[in-house]
Amino acid sequence: MKSCQTSKRSWTQMAKVELTPLRSWSDFFPGSERFSKPDDKDPARWNNRVVSNLLYYQTNYIAIELLRSRDFWCLNPEGMFAALALVSAVFLGSVWAAENQDAMSSFKRVNPVAFGIGLAVTSYILICMLGSVIWFLSAIILPLALILAHASYRLRNMKNKVENKIEAVGLKRSPMGIFLQALGEQEEKLIKIQNYLEEKLKD
């Protein structure tokens, strides 16, 4: 019974997650007076501006990412698919290797020739597909660079601040808010681990 109530409560929380509305062009990209270079001497204020804009304009940013990625996919779909497969394989392979270091060391020691051939073949594939990988990364990195630039330079308005306060107190939840919250939690965990290791090293 308790588990049913818990699942029902979690389902209710999931149902409350909603995407913010698409902001008008005049709001998203107004005159130059609504843009200002962030103060690099005050990183906390800069961070607040970026987070606020990421939350407030998240639907616009998602649209930018999808549109720019679509252009890359239309121009070179084969390269994008190949690069996506390669990047995924390299990522999964690195995760597997990190979790099975002993097995990798043992295989390298017992079968040095096979290990060397595998390394050479992998390097050759990476070199041959380097152009596709760069194309794939450009499809992701360029839109992200535009998004971060806009979030850094766009000054916040009153509506922006009110919307973010509503989400901060938990009255509203959005995909970007959940993502940023998860990043914050991971950062806190890393800081705790770092502090723990520093204390142990001092001892």
N, C-alpha and C. Protein backbone atom coordinates (compact mmCIF):
# COMPACT_ATOMS: atom_id res chain seq x y z
N MET A 1 0.84 -1.21 0.00
CA MET A 1 0.00 0.00 0.00
C MET A 1 0.87 1.25 0.00
N LYS A 2 1.91 1.17 0.83
CA LYS A 2 2.83 2.30 0.92
C LYS A 2 3.55 2.55 -0.40
N SER A 3 3.95 1.45 -1.06
CA SER A 3 4.65 1.58 -2.35
C SER A 3 3.73 2.18 -3.40
N CYS A 4 2.43 1.81 -3.34
CA CYS A 4 1.46 2.37 -4.29
C CYS A 4 1.32 3.87 -4.10
N GLN A 5 1.30 4.29 -2.81
CA GLN A 5 1.19 5.72 -2.53
C GLN A 5 2.43 6.46 -2.99
N THR A 6 3.59 5.81 -2.78
CA THR A 6 4.85 6.44 -3.21
C THR A 6 4.89 6.60 -4.71
N SER A 7 4.50 5.54 -5.45
CA SER A 7 4.51 5.61 -6.91
C SER A 7 3.49 6.62 -7.41
N LYS A 8 2.35 6.71 -6.72
CA LYS A 8 1.35 7.68 -7.12
C LYS A 8 1.85 9.10 -6.92
N ARG A 9 2.57 9.31 -5.78
CA ARG A 9 3.10 10.63 -5.51
C ARG A 9 4.17 11.01 -6.53
N SER A 10 5.06 10.04 -6.87
CA SER A 10 6.11 10.33 -7.86
C SER A 10 5.50 10.59 -9.23
N TRP A 11 4.42 9.88 -9.58
CA TRP A 11 3.75 10.11 -10.85
C TRP A 11 3.15 11.51 -10.89
N THR A 12 2.60 11.94 -9.75
CA THR A 12 2.02 13.28 -9.68
C THR A 12 3.10 14.33 -9.87
N GLN A 13 4.29 14.09 -9.26
CA GLN A 13 5.39 15.04 -9.41
C GLN A 13 5.85 15.09 -10.85
N MET A 14 5.90 13.93 -11.53
CA MET A 14 6.31 13.91 -12.93
C MET A 14 5.31 14.66 -13.80
N ALA A 15 4.01 14.53 -13.45
CA ALA A 15 2.98 15.18 -14.26
C ALA A 15 3.08 16.70 -14.18
N LYS A 16 3.69 17.22 -13.10
CA LYS A 16 3.78 18.66 -12.92
C LYS A 16 4.89 19.28 -13.75
N VAL A 17 5.78 18.44 -14.30
CA VAL A 17 6.86 18.97 -15.13
C VAL A 17 6.29 19.48 -16.44
N GLU A 18 6.60 20.72 -16.76
CA GLU A 18 6.08 21.31 -17.99
C GLU A 18 7.11 22.21 -18.63
N LEU A 19 7.09 22.23 -19.94
CA LEU A 19 8.02 23.06 -20.71
C LEU A 19 7.52 24.50 -20.70
N THR A 20 8.44 25.42 -20.56
CA THR A 20 8.03 26.83 -20.58
C THR A 20 7.57 27.22 -21.98
N PRO A 21 6.70 28.23 -22.10
CA PRO A 21 6.23 28.63 -23.42
C PRO A 21 7.34 29.22 -24.28
N LEU A 22 7.16 29.12 -25.58
CA LEU A 22 8.13 29.71 -26.51
C LEU A 22 8.04 31.22 -26.43
N ARG A 23 9.13 31.86 -26.09
CA ARG A 23 9.15 33.32 -25.94
C ARG A 23 9.17 33.99 -27.32
N SER A 24 8.53 35.13 -27.39
CA SER A 24 8.47 35.86 -28.66
C SER A 24 9.85 36.35 -29.07
N TRP A 25 10.00 36.63 -30.36
CA TRP A 25 11.29 37.11 -30.87
C TRP A 25 11.68 38.44 -30.23
N SER A 26 10.71 39.31 -30.02
CA SER A 26 10.99 40.61 -29.41
C SER A 26 11.47 40.47 -27.97
N ASP A 27 11.03 39.41 -27.30
CA ASP A 27 11.50 39.14 -25.93
C ASP A 27 12.83 38.42 -25.96
N PHE A 28 12.97 37.45 -26.85
CA PHE A 28 14.18 36.65 -26.93
C PHE A 28 15.36 37.45 -27.46
N PHE A 29 15.10 38.29 -28.45
CA PHE A 29 16.19 39.05 -29.06
C PHE A 29 15.75 40.51 -29.26
N PRO A 30 15.68 41.27 -28.17
CA PRO A 30 15.27 42.67 -28.27
C PRO A 30 16.41 43.56 -28.75
N GLY A 31 16.31 44.85 -28.51
CA GLY A 31 17.36 45.76 -28.93
C GLY A 31 18.65 45.56 -28.14
N SER A 32 19.71 46.19 -28.62
CA SER A 32 21.03 46.02 -28.01
C SER A 32 21.08 46.51 -26.57
N GLU A 33 20.12 47.36 -26.18
CA GLU A 33 20.13 47.88 -24.81
C GLU A 33 19.80 46.78 -23.78
N ARG A 34 19.23 45.66 -24.23
CA ARG A 34 18.89 44.57 -23.32
C ARG A 34 19.98 43.49 -23.28
N PHE A 35 21.13 43.82 -23.89
CA PHE A 35 22.27 42.91 -23.84
C PHE A 35 23.44 43.64 -23.21
N SER A 36 24.18 42.90 -22.39
CA SER A 36 25.33 43.51 -21.72
C SER A 36 26.37 42.45 -21.44
N LYS A 37 27.63 42.84 -21.57
CA LYS A 37 28.72 41.91 -21.29
C LYS A 37 28.70 41.52 -19.82
N PRO A 38 28.78 40.21 -19.52
CA PRO A 38 28.78 39.80 -18.11
C PRO A 38 30.03 40.25 -17.39
N ASP A 39 29.89 40.46 -16.10
CA ASP A 39 31.02 40.90 -15.28
C ASP A 39 31.84 39.69 -14.87
N ASP A 40 33.02 39.51 -15.48
CA ASP A 40 33.84 38.34 -15.17
C ASP A 40 34.46 38.43 -13.78
N LYS A 41 34.38 39.62 -13.15
CA LYS A 41 34.89 39.77 -11.78
C LYS A 41 33.85 39.34 -10.74
N ASP A 42 32.64 39.10 -11.20
CA ASP A 42 31.57 38.66 -10.31
C ASP A 42 30.93 37.40 -10.89
N PRO A 43 31.62 36.25 -10.77
CA PRO A 43 31.12 35.01 -11.38
C PRO A 43 29.77 34.55 -10.83
N ALA A 44 29.47 34.88 -9.58
CA ALA A 44 28.19 34.47 -9.00
C ALA A 44 27.03 35.15 -9.72
N ARG A 45 27.19 36.43 -9.98
CA ARG A 45 26.13 37.17 -10.69
C ARG A 45 26.01 36.69 -12.14
N TRP A 46 27.13 36.43 -12.75
CA TRP A 46 27.15 35.90 -14.12
C TRP A 46 26.43 34.55 -14.16
N ASN A 47 26.74 33.69 -13.19
CA ASN A 47 26.12 32.38 -13.12
C ASN A 47 24.59 32.50 -12.93
N ASN A 48 24.17 33.43 -12.08
CA ASN A 48 22.74 33.64 -11.86
C ASN A 48 22.03 34.07 -13.15
N ARG A 49 22.69 34.93 -13.92
CA ARG A 49 22.10 35.38 -15.18
C ARG A 49 21.95 34.22 -16.16
N VAL A 50 23.02 33.40 -16.27
CA VAL A 50 22.98 32.26 -17.20
C VAL A 50 21.89 31.28 -16.80
N VAL A 51 21.83 30.92 -15.53
CA VAL A 51 20.83 29.96 -15.05
C VAL A 51 19.42 30.50 -15.27
N SER A 52 19.21 31.78 -14.95
CA SER A 52 17.89 32.38 -15.12
C SER A 52 17.45 32.35 -16.58
N ASN A 53 18.37 32.70 -17.46
CA ASN A 53 18.02 32.70 -18.89
C ASN A 53 17.83 31.29 -19.43
N LEU A 54 18.63 30.34 -18.95
CA LEU A 54 18.45 28.95 -19.38
C LEU A 54 17.07 28.43 -18.99
N LEU A 55 16.60 28.83 -17.82
CA LEU A 55 15.27 28.41 -17.37
C LEU A 55 14.17 29.13 -18.14
N TYR A 56 14.32 30.43 -18.29
CA TYR A 56 13.25 31.25 -18.88
C TYR A 56 13.11 31.02 -20.39
N TYR A 57 14.25 30.88 -21.09
CA TYR A 57 14.23 30.74 -22.55
C TYR A 57 14.50 29.30 -23.00
N GLN A 58 14.29 28.33 -22.13
CA GLN A 58 14.68 26.95 -22.44
C GLN A 58 14.02 26.42 -23.70
N THR A 59 12.76 26.74 -23.95
CA THR A 59 12.09 26.25 -25.15
C THR A 59 12.71 26.86 -26.41
N ASN A 60 13.06 28.14 -26.33
CA ASN A 60 13.74 28.78 -27.46
C ASN A 60 15.09 28.14 -27.72
N TYR A 61 15.81 27.83 -26.65
CA TYR A 61 17.12 27.20 -26.79
C TYR A 61 17.00 25.79 -27.38
N ILE A 62 16.00 25.05 -26.94
CA ILE A 62 15.78 23.71 -27.49
C ILE A 62 15.47 23.79 -28.98
N ALA A 63 14.66 24.80 -29.36
CA ALA A 63 14.33 24.98 -30.78
C ALA A 63 15.58 25.30 -31.60
N ILE A 64 16.47 26.14 -31.05
CA ILE A 64 17.72 26.47 -31.74
C ILE A 64 18.56 25.22 -31.94
N GLU A 65 18.70 24.42 -30.89
CA GLU A 65 19.50 23.20 -30.96
C GLU A 65 18.94 22.24 -32.01
N LEU A 66 17.62 22.07 -32.02
CA LEU A 66 16.99 21.15 -32.98
C LEU A 66 17.13 21.65 -34.42
N LEU A 67 16.93 22.95 -34.62
CA LEU A 67 17.01 23.51 -35.97
C LEU A 67 18.43 23.42 -36.53
N ARG A 68 19.41 23.79 -35.72
CA ARG A 68 20.79 23.74 -36.18
C ARG A 68 21.24 22.30 -36.41
N SER A 69 20.85 21.39 -35.52
CA SER A 69 21.21 19.98 -35.70
C SER A 69 20.56 19.41 -36.95
N ARG A 70 19.32 19.85 -37.22
CA ARG A 70 18.61 19.38 -38.42
C ARG A 70 19.38 19.74 -39.67
N ASP A 71 19.94 20.95 -39.71
CA ASP A 71 20.71 21.38 -40.88
C ASP A 71 21.90 20.45 -41.11
N PHE A 72 22.60 20.11 -40.02
CA PHE A 72 23.75 19.23 -40.15
C PHE A 72 23.33 17.83 -40.60
N TRP A 73 22.21 17.34 -40.05
CA TRP A 73 21.73 16.01 -40.43
C TRP A 73 21.31 15.98 -41.90
N CYS A 74 20.68 17.05 -42.37
CA CYS A 74 20.24 17.10 -43.77
C CYS A 74 21.41 17.17 -44.73
N LEU A 75 22.46 17.89 -44.35
CA LEU A 75 23.61 18.07 -45.24
C LEU A 75 24.47 16.81 -45.32
N ASN A 76 24.58 16.09 -44.21
CA ASN A 76 25.44 14.90 -44.21
C ASN A 76 24.88 13.84 -43.26
N PRO A 77 23.76 13.21 -43.63
CA PRO A 77 23.14 12.23 -42.72
C PRO A 77 24.01 11.00 -42.47
N GLU A 78 24.70 10.50 -43.54
CA GLU A 78 25.53 9.31 -43.37
C GLU A 78 26.66 9.59 -42.39
N GLY A 79 27.30 10.74 -42.55
CA GLY A 79 28.39 11.10 -41.65
C GLY A 79 27.92 11.27 -40.22
N MET A 80 26.73 11.85 -40.04
CA MET A 80 26.18 12.05 -38.70
C MET A 80 25.88 10.72 -38.03
N PHE A 81 25.25 9.80 -38.77
CA PHE A 81 24.95 8.48 -38.22
C PHE A 81 26.23 7.73 -37.87
N ALA A 82 27.20 7.77 -38.78
CA ALA A 82 28.46 7.07 -38.54
C ALA A 82 29.19 7.65 -37.33
N ALA A 83 29.23 8.98 -37.26
CA ALA A 83 29.91 9.63 -36.13
C ALA A 83 29.19 9.35 -34.82
N LEU A 84 27.84 9.36 -34.86
CA LEU A 84 27.07 9.06 -33.66
C LEU A 84 27.37 7.66 -33.16
N ALA A 85 27.43 6.70 -34.09
CA ALA A 85 27.74 5.32 -33.72
C ALA A 85 29.15 5.22 -33.15
N LEU A 86 30.10 5.92 -33.79
CA LEU A 86 31.49 5.86 -33.35
C LEU A 86 31.67 6.49 -31.98
N VAL A 87 31.09 7.68 -31.79
CA VAL A 87 31.20 8.38 -30.51
C VAL A 87 30.56 7.54 -29.40
N SER A 88 29.41 6.94 -29.68
CA SER A 88 28.74 6.09 -28.69
C SER A 88 29.61 4.87 -28.35
N ALA A 89 30.21 4.28 -29.39
CA ALA A 89 31.05 3.10 -29.17
C ALA A 89 32.29 3.45 -28.34
N VAL A 90 32.91 4.58 -28.66
CA VAL A 90 34.10 5.01 -27.89
C VAL A 90 33.73 5.29 -26.45
N PHE A 91 32.57 5.96 -26.25
CA PHE A 91 32.12 6.27 -24.88
C PHE A 91 31.86 4.98 -24.09
N LEU A 92 31.09 4.07 -24.69
CA LEU A 92 30.77 2.82 -24.00
C LEU A 92 32.03 1.98 -23.78
N GLY A 93 32.93 2.01 -24.77
CA GLY A 93 34.19 1.27 -24.62
C GLY A 93 35.05 1.82 -23.50
N SER A 94 35.10 3.15 -23.37
CA SER A 94 35.88 3.75 -22.29
C SER A 94 35.29 3.43 -20.92
N VAL A 95 33.94 3.43 -20.86
CA VAL A 95 33.27 3.06 -19.59
C VAL A 95 33.59 1.61 -19.23
N TRP A 96 33.50 0.72 -20.24
CA TRP A 96 33.79 -0.69 -19.99
C TRP A 96 35.25 -0.89 -19.57
N ALA A 97 36.16 -0.19 -20.26
CA ALA A 97 37.58 -0.33 -19.93
C ALA A 97 37.88 0.17 -18.52
N ALA A 98 37.20 1.26 -18.12
CA ALA A 98 37.42 1.80 -16.77
C ALA A 98 36.95 0.83 -15.70
N GLU A 99 35.88 0.08 -16.01
CA GLU A 99 35.32 -0.86 -15.04
C GLU A 99 36.00 -2.22 -15.09
N ASN A 100 36.79 -2.46 -16.13
CA ASN A 100 37.45 -3.77 -16.28
C ASN A 100 38.94 -3.58 -16.57
N GLN A 101 39.59 -2.77 -15.76
CA GLN A 101 41.01 -2.48 -15.98
C GLN A 101 41.86 -3.73 -15.81
N ASP A 102 41.50 -4.58 -14.84
CA ASP A 102 42.28 -5.80 -14.61
C ASP A 102 42.20 -6.73 -15.82
N ALA A 103 40.98 -6.87 -16.38
CA ALA A 103 40.80 -7.74 -17.55
C ALA A 103 41.58 -7.20 -18.74
N MET A 104 41.59 -5.87 -18.91
CA MET A 104 42.34 -5.27 -20.02
C MET A 104 43.83 -5.49 -19.86
N SER A 105 44.32 -5.32 -18.63
CA SER A 105 45.76 -5.52 -18.38
C SER A 105 46.16 -6.97 -18.61
N SER A 106 45.26 -7.88 -18.18
CA SER A 106 45.54 -9.30 -18.37
C SER A 106 45.56 -9.67 -19.86
N PHE A 107 44.58 -9.15 -20.61
CA PHE A 107 44.52 -9.44 -22.05
C PHE A 107 45.74 -8.86 -22.76
N LYS A 108 46.17 -7.68 -22.39
CA LYS A 108 47.34 -7.06 -23.01
C LYS A 108 48.60 -7.86 -22.72
N ARG A 109 48.69 -8.41 -21.51
CA ARG A 109 49.87 -9.18 -21.13
C ARG A 109 49.91 -10.54 -21.83
N VAL A 110 48.73 -11.20 -21.92
CA VAL A 110 48.66 -12.54 -22.50
C VAL A 110 48.66 -12.49 -24.03
N ASN A 111 47.98 -11.49 -24.62
CA ASN A 111 47.86 -11.40 -26.08
C ASN A 111 48.33 -10.02 -26.57
N PRO A 112 49.63 -9.75 -26.47
CA PRO A 112 50.12 -8.41 -26.87
C PRO A 112 49.92 -8.12 -28.35
N VAL A 113 50.04 -9.17 -29.19
CA VAL A 113 49.89 -8.96 -30.64
C VAL A 113 48.44 -8.59 -30.97
N ALA A 114 47.49 -9.34 -30.42
CA ALA A 114 46.07 -9.06 -30.67
C ALA A 114 45.68 -7.68 -30.13
N PHE A 115 46.25 -7.34 -28.98
CA PHE A 115 45.96 -6.03 -28.40
C PHE A 115 46.49 -4.92 -29.30
N GLY A 116 47.71 -5.11 -29.82
CA GLY A 116 48.31 -4.11 -30.70
C GLY A 116 47.53 -3.97 -32.00
N ILE A 117 47.07 -5.11 -32.57
CA ILE A 117 46.28 -5.06 -33.81
C ILE A 117 44.96 -4.34 -33.56
N GLY A 118 44.32 -4.67 -32.44
CA GLY A 118 43.04 -4.00 -32.11
C GLY A 118 43.22 -2.51 -31.95
N LEU A 119 44.32 -2.10 -31.30
CA LEU A 119 44.59 -0.68 -31.11
C LEU A 119 44.85 0.01 -32.44
N ALA A 120 45.59 -0.65 -33.34
CA ALA A 120 45.89 -0.08 -34.65
C ALA A 120 44.63 0.07 -35.49
N VAL A 121 43.77 -0.96 -35.48
CA VAL A 121 42.51 -0.90 -36.25
C VAL A 121 41.61 0.21 -35.73
N THR A 122 41.51 0.31 -34.41
CA THR A 122 40.69 1.36 -33.80
C THR A 122 41.21 2.74 -34.17
N SER A 123 42.53 2.91 -34.12
CA SER A 123 43.13 4.20 -34.48
C SER A 123 42.87 4.54 -35.94
N TYR A 124 42.97 3.52 -36.81
CA TYR A 124 42.73 3.73 -38.25
C TYR A 124 41.29 4.18 -38.50
N ILE A 125 40.34 3.51 -37.83
CA ILE A 125 38.92 3.88 -37.99
C ILE A 125 38.68 5.31 -37.51
N LEU A 126 39.29 5.65 -36.39
CA LEU A 126 39.11 7.01 -35.85
C LEU A 126 39.66 8.06 -36.82
N ILE A 127 40.84 7.77 -37.40
CA ILE A 127 41.45 8.71 -38.33
C ILE A 127 40.59 8.85 -39.59
N CYS A 128 40.09 7.71 -40.10
CA CYS A 128 39.26 7.75 -41.32
C CYS A 128 37.95 8.51 -41.09
N MET A 129 37.43 8.43 -39.90
CA MET A 129 36.13 9.04 -39.61
C MET A 129 36.27 10.37 -38.87
N LEU A 130 37.49 10.90 -38.85
CA LEU A 130 37.74 12.14 -38.11
C LEU A 130 36.85 13.27 -38.61
N GLY A 131 36.71 13.36 -39.94
CA GLY A 131 35.87 14.43 -40.51
C GLY A 131 34.43 14.32 -40.06
N SER A 132 33.89 13.09 -40.03
CA SER A 132 32.52 12.89 -39.59
C SER A 132 32.35 13.22 -38.12
N VAL A 133 33.36 12.86 -37.32
CA VAL A 133 33.29 13.15 -35.88
C VAL A 133 33.30 14.66 -35.64
N ILE A 134 34.16 15.37 -36.36
CA ILE A 134 34.22 16.83 -36.22
C ILE A 134 32.89 17.45 -36.65
N TRP A 135 32.32 16.93 -37.74
CA TRP A 135 31.02 17.40 -38.22
C TRP A 135 29.94 17.18 -37.17
N PHE A 136 29.96 16.00 -36.55
CA PHE A 136 28.98 15.65 -35.52
C PHE A 136 29.13 16.57 -34.30
N LEU A 137 30.37 16.77 -33.86
CA LEU A 137 30.59 17.63 -32.70
C LEU A 137 30.21 19.08 -33.00
N SER A 138 30.44 19.51 -34.24
CA SER A 138 30.05 20.87 -34.63
C SER A 138 28.54 21.06 -34.55
N ALA A 139 27.80 20.00 -34.90
CA ALA A 139 26.33 20.07 -34.84
C ALA A 139 25.84 20.27 -33.42
N ILE A 140 26.62 19.83 -32.44
CA ILE A 140 26.24 19.96 -31.04
C ILE A 140 26.85 21.21 -30.42
N ILE A 141 28.14 21.43 -30.68
CA ILE A 141 28.87 22.48 -29.99
C ILE A 141 28.47 23.88 -30.47
N LEU A 142 28.29 24.07 -31.78
CA LEU A 142 27.95 25.40 -32.29
C LEU A 142 26.64 25.94 -31.71
N PRO A 143 25.54 25.15 -31.73
CA PRO A 143 24.31 25.65 -31.10
C PRO A 143 24.48 25.91 -29.61
N LEU A 144 25.24 25.04 -28.92
CA LEU A 144 25.47 25.25 -27.49
C LEU A 144 26.24 26.54 -27.23
N ALA A 145 27.20 26.85 -28.10
CA ALA A 145 27.95 28.09 -27.96
C ALA A 145 27.04 29.31 -28.13
N LEU A 146 26.13 29.24 -29.11
CA LEU A 146 25.17 30.33 -29.31
C LEU A 146 24.25 30.48 -28.10
N ILE A 147 23.80 29.35 -27.56
CA ILE A 147 22.90 29.38 -26.41
C ILE A 147 23.60 29.99 -25.19
N LEU A 148 24.82 29.56 -24.92
CA LEU A 148 25.55 30.09 -23.77
C LEU A 148 25.88 31.57 -23.94
N ALA A 149 26.17 31.98 -25.17
CA ALA A 149 26.44 33.39 -25.43
C ALA A 149 25.20 34.23 -25.16
N HIS A 150 24.05 33.77 -25.64
CA HIS A 150 22.80 34.50 -25.41
C HIS A 150 22.47 34.54 -23.91
N ALA A 151 22.61 33.40 -23.23
CA ALA A 151 22.30 33.33 -21.80
C ALA A 151 23.24 34.20 -20.98
N SER A 152 24.46 34.41 -21.46
CA SER A 152 25.44 35.22 -20.73
C SER A 152 25.22 36.71 -20.93
N TYR A 153 24.79 37.11 -22.12
CA TYR A 153 24.69 38.53 -22.45
C TYR A 153 23.28 39.10 -22.28
N ARG A 154 22.25 38.26 -22.34
CA ARG A 154 20.87 38.76 -22.25
C ARG A 154 20.55 39.18 -20.82
N LEU A 155 20.20 40.45 -20.65
CA LEU A 155 19.83 40.96 -19.34
C LEU A 155 18.47 40.40 -18.93
N ARG A 156 18.31 40.13 -17.65
CA ARG A 156 17.04 39.58 -17.16
C ARG A 156 16.01 40.70 -16.98
N ASN A 157 14.75 40.37 -17.25
CA ASN A 157 13.67 41.31 -16.98
C ASN A 157 12.88 40.83 -15.77
N MET A 158 11.86 41.59 -15.38
CA MET A 158 11.11 41.25 -14.18
C MET A 158 10.38 39.92 -14.32
N LYS A 159 9.78 39.69 -15.51
CA LYS A 159 9.05 38.44 -15.72
C LYS A 159 9.98 37.24 -15.61
N ASN A 160 11.18 37.40 -16.14
CA ASN A 160 12.19 36.35 -16.06
C ASN A 160 12.47 36.01 -14.59
N LYS A 161 12.69 37.03 -13.77
CA LYS A 161 13.03 36.81 -12.36
C LYS A 161 11.86 36.17 -11.60
N VAL A 162 10.64 36.61 -11.90
CA VAL A 162 9.46 36.06 -11.22
C VAL A 162 9.28 34.58 -11.55
N GLU A 163 9.42 34.25 -12.85
CA GLU A 163 9.26 32.86 -13.29
C GLU A 163 10.29 31.96 -12.60
N ASN A 164 11.52 32.43 -12.47
CA ASN A 164 12.56 31.63 -11.86
C ASN A 164 12.35 31.47 -10.36
N LYS A 165 11.80 32.51 -9.71
CA LYS A 165 11.47 32.41 -8.29
C LYS A 165 10.40 31.36 -8.07
N ILE A 166 9.41 31.32 -8.97
CA ILE A 166 8.33 30.33 -8.86
C ILE A 166 8.89 28.92 -8.95
N GLU A 167 9.83 28.72 -9.87
CA GLU A 167 10.41 27.39 -10.02
C GLU A 167 11.33 27.08 -8.84
N ALA A 168 12.01 28.10 -8.32
CA ALA A 168 12.95 27.87 -7.22
C ALA A 168 12.24 27.39 -5.96
N VAL A 169 11.02 27.87 -5.71
CA VAL A 169 10.29 27.45 -4.51
C VAL A 169 9.49 26.19 -4.73
N GLY A 170 9.56 25.61 -5.94
CA GLY A 170 8.93 24.33 -6.20
C GLY A 170 7.50 24.37 -6.68
N LEU A 171 6.98 25.58 -7.01
CA LEU A 171 5.61 25.67 -7.49
C LEU A 171 5.50 25.29 -8.96
N LYS A 172 6.62 25.23 -9.62
CA LYS A 172 6.64 24.87 -11.03
C LYS A 172 7.93 24.12 -11.32
N ARG A 173 7.85 23.12 -12.21
CA ARG A 173 9.04 22.35 -12.57
C ARG A 173 9.14 22.27 -14.09
N SER A 174 10.37 22.38 -14.58
CA SER A 174 10.60 22.32 -16.03
C SER A 174 11.76 21.37 -16.30
N PRO A 175 11.87 20.86 -17.53
CA PRO A 175 12.99 19.96 -17.86
C PRO A 175 14.35 20.58 -17.59
N MET A 176 14.52 21.84 -17.95
CA MET A 176 15.80 22.51 -17.72
C MET A 176 16.08 22.65 -16.23
N GLY A 177 15.03 22.96 -15.45
CA GLY A 177 15.20 23.08 -14.00
C GLY A 177 15.65 21.78 -13.37
N ILE A 178 15.06 20.66 -13.82
CA ILE A 178 15.45 19.34 -13.31
C ILE A 178 16.88 19.02 -13.70
N PHE A 179 17.24 19.36 -14.95
CA PHE A 179 18.60 19.11 -15.43
C PHE A 179 19.63 19.92 -14.63
N LEU A 180 19.35 21.20 -14.41
CA LEU A 180 20.28 22.05 -13.65
C LEU A 180 20.36 21.61 -12.20
N GLN A 181 19.24 21.16 -11.65
CA GLN A 181 19.24 20.66 -10.28
C GLN A 181 20.11 19.42 -10.17
N ALA A 182 20.01 18.53 -11.16
CA ALA A 182 20.83 17.31 -11.16
C ALA A 182 22.31 17.67 -11.26
N LEU A 183 22.64 18.66 -12.09
CA LEU A 183 24.04 19.10 -12.20
C LEU A 183 24.54 19.64 -10.87
N GLY A 184 23.68 20.41 -10.19
CA GLY A 184 24.05 20.97 -8.89
C GLY A 184 24.28 19.90 -7.86
N GLU A 185 23.44 18.86 -7.86
CA GLU A 185 23.60 17.77 -6.91
C GLU A 185 24.89 17.00 -7.17
N GLN A 186 25.20 16.79 -8.47
CA GLN A 186 26.45 16.11 -8.79
C GLN A 186 27.65 16.94 -8.36
N GLU A 187 27.55 18.27 -8.54
CA GLU A 187 28.65 19.14 -8.13
C GLU A 187 28.85 19.09 -6.63
N GLU A 188 27.74 19.07 -5.86
CA GLU A 188 27.84 18.99 -4.41
C GLU A 188 28.50 17.68 -3.98
N LYS A 189 28.15 16.58 -4.65
CA LYS A 189 28.75 15.29 -4.32
C LYS A 189 30.25 15.31 -4.58
N LEU A 190 30.65 15.91 -5.73
CA LEU A 190 32.08 15.98 -6.06
C LEU A 190 32.84 16.83 -5.05
N ILE A 191 32.21 17.92 -4.60
CA ILE A 191 32.85 18.80 -3.60
C ILE A 191 33.03 18.04 -2.29
N LYS A 192 32.00 17.27 -1.89
CA LYS A 192 32.09 16.49 -0.66
C LYS A 192 33.20 15.44 -0.74
N ILE A 193 33.29 14.77 -1.90
CA ILE A 193 34.35 13.77 -2.10
C ILE A 193 35.72 14.43 -2.04
N GLN A 194 35.84 15.60 -2.68
CA GLN A 194 37.11 16.32 -2.68
C GLN A 194 37.51 16.73 -1.26
N ASN A 195 36.56 17.25 -0.49
CA ASN A 195 36.84 17.65 0.89
C ASN A 195 37.24 16.45 1.74
N TYR A 196 36.56 15.32 1.50
CA TYR A 196 36.87 14.10 2.27
C TYR A 196 38.30 13.63 1.97
N LEU A 197 38.67 13.64 0.67
CA LEU A 197 40.01 13.20 0.29
C LEU A 197 41.08 14.14 0.86
N GLU A 198 40.80 15.44 0.85
CA GLU A 198 41.75 16.40 1.38
C GLU A 198 41.98 16.19 2.88
N GLU A 199 40.88 15.89 3.60
CA GLU A 199 41.00 15.62 5.04
C GLU A 199 41.82 14.38 5.29
N LYS A 200 41.60 13.33 4.48
CA LYS A 200 42.35 12.08 4.64
C LYS A 200 43.83 12.28 4.35
N LEU A 201 44.12 13.11 3.33
CA LEU A 201 45.51 13.37 3.00
C LEU A 201 46.22 14.14 4.11
N LYS A 202 45.48 15.03 4.78
CA LYS A 202 46.06 15.80 5.89
C LYS A 202 46.39 14.88 7.06
N ASP A 203 45.49 13.89 7.28
CA ASP A 203 45.73 12.93 8.38
C ASP A 203 46.98 12.10 8.11
